């Protein structure tokens, strides 16, 4: 697991693209480019209250892409 601090959308896109390059994929009879590895992207956003109360608003979004689970007989894998 890797954790990267992003300060803007450009940072987020850069790390997301780097993560996609590390995924393993292969072709089979049903699909030219099929994922062979799971991928999880967690985006956590924190917003600090500037009024001096010290309150922090935190949100988390998790995106999950599971590796292909095609039927072995049909795919030839």
Protein backbone atom coordinates (compact mmCIF):
# COMPACT_ATOMS: atom_id res chain seq x y z
CA UNK A 1 0.00 0.00 0.00
CA UNK A 2 1.24 3.45 -0.90
CA UNK A 3 0.07 6.76 0.54
CA UNK A 4 0.64 10.01 -1.35
CA UNK A 5 -0.33 13.49 -0.22
CA UNK A 6 -2.03 15.50 -2.94
CA UNK A 7 -2.76 19.20 -2.81
CA UNK A 8 -4.73 19.51 -6.03
CA UNK A 9 -6.36 17.60 -8.89
CA UNK A 10 -3.12 17.51 -10.89
CA UNK A 11 -1.35 15.63 -8.08
CA UNK A 12 -4.23 13.16 -7.79
CA UNK A 13 -4.28 12.47 -11.53
CA UNK A 14 -0.50 11.95 -11.58
CA UNK A 15 -0.59 9.29 -8.85
CA UNK A 16 -3.69 7.65 -10.31
CA UNK A 17 -1.97 7.33 -13.72
CA UNK A 18 1.15 5.88 -12.08
CA UNK A 19 -1.00 3.29 -10.29
CA UNK A 20 -2.68 2.26 -13.54
CA UNK A 21 0.72 1.61 -15.10
CA UNK A 22 1.50 -0.92 -12.33
CA UNK A 23 -1.59 -3.04 -13.01
CA UNK A 24 -1.21 -6.43 -14.62
CA UNK A 25 -3.42 -7.21 -17.60
CA UNK A 26 -3.51 -9.89 -20.28
CA UNK A 27 -5.65 -10.93 -23.21
CA UNK A 28 -7.84 -14.00 -23.56
CA UNK A 29 -10.54 -15.30 -25.94
CA UNK A 30 -13.26 -12.93 -24.68
CA UNK A 31 -11.31 -9.77 -24.00
CA UNK A 32 -8.26 -8.14 -25.58
CA UNK A 33 -7.23 -6.30 -22.40
CA UNK A 34 -8.42 -7.95 -19.18
CA UNK A 35 -7.34 -6.98 -15.69
CA UNK A 36 -5.36 -9.62 -13.80
CA UNK A 37 -4.88 -7.62 -10.61
CA UNK A 38 -7.14 -5.95 -8.10
CA UNK A 39 -6.92 -2.19 -7.71
CA UNK A 40 -8.10 0.00 -4.83
CA UNK A 41 -7.95 3.78 -4.86
CA UNK A 42 -8.84 5.59 -1.65
CA UNK A 43 -9.32 9.33 -1.82
CA UNK A 44 -9.45 11.08 1.54
CA UNK A 45 -10.25 14.77 1.64
CA UNK A 46 -9.77 16.92 4.72
CA UNK A 47 -11.02 20.45 5.05
CA UNK A 48 -9.99 22.63 7.98
CA UNK A 49 -12.30 25.23 9.49
CA UNK A 50 -10.59 28.62 9.13
CA UNK A 51 -12.71 30.31 11.80
CA UNK A 52 -10.37 29.08 14.51
CA UNK A 53 -12.58 26.34 15.98
CA UNK A 54 -10.14 23.62 14.96
CA UNK A 55 -12.90 21.55 13.37
CA UNK A 56 -11.91 19.20 10.54
CA UNK A 57 -14.32 17.84 7.94
CA UNK A 58 -13.09 14.53 6.58
CA UNK A 59 -14.50 12.49 3.68
CA UNK A 60 -13.33 9.21 2.17
CA UNK A 61 -14.13 7.70 -1.22
CA UNK A 62 -12.94 4.18 -2.08
CA UNK A 63 -12.92 2.96 -5.67
CA UNK A 64 -12.40 -0.79 -6.14
CA UNK A 65 -11.70 -2.61 -9.40
CA UNK A 66 -11.58 -6.37 -8.93
CA UNK A 67 -9.56 -8.53 -11.29
CA UNK A 68 -11.53 -10.31 -14.00
CA UNK A 69 -13.43 -13.37 -12.84
CA UNK A 70 -14.35 -14.71 -16.26
CA UNK A 71 -15.19 -18.37 -16.61
CA UNK A 72 -12.04 -20.38 -17.31
CA UNK A 73 -13.72 -22.55 -19.94
CA UNK A 74 -14.78 -19.58 -22.06
CA UNK A 75 -11.64 -17.48 -21.73
CA UNK A 76 -9.03 -20.18 -22.25
CA UNK A 77 -6.94 -18.89 -19.35
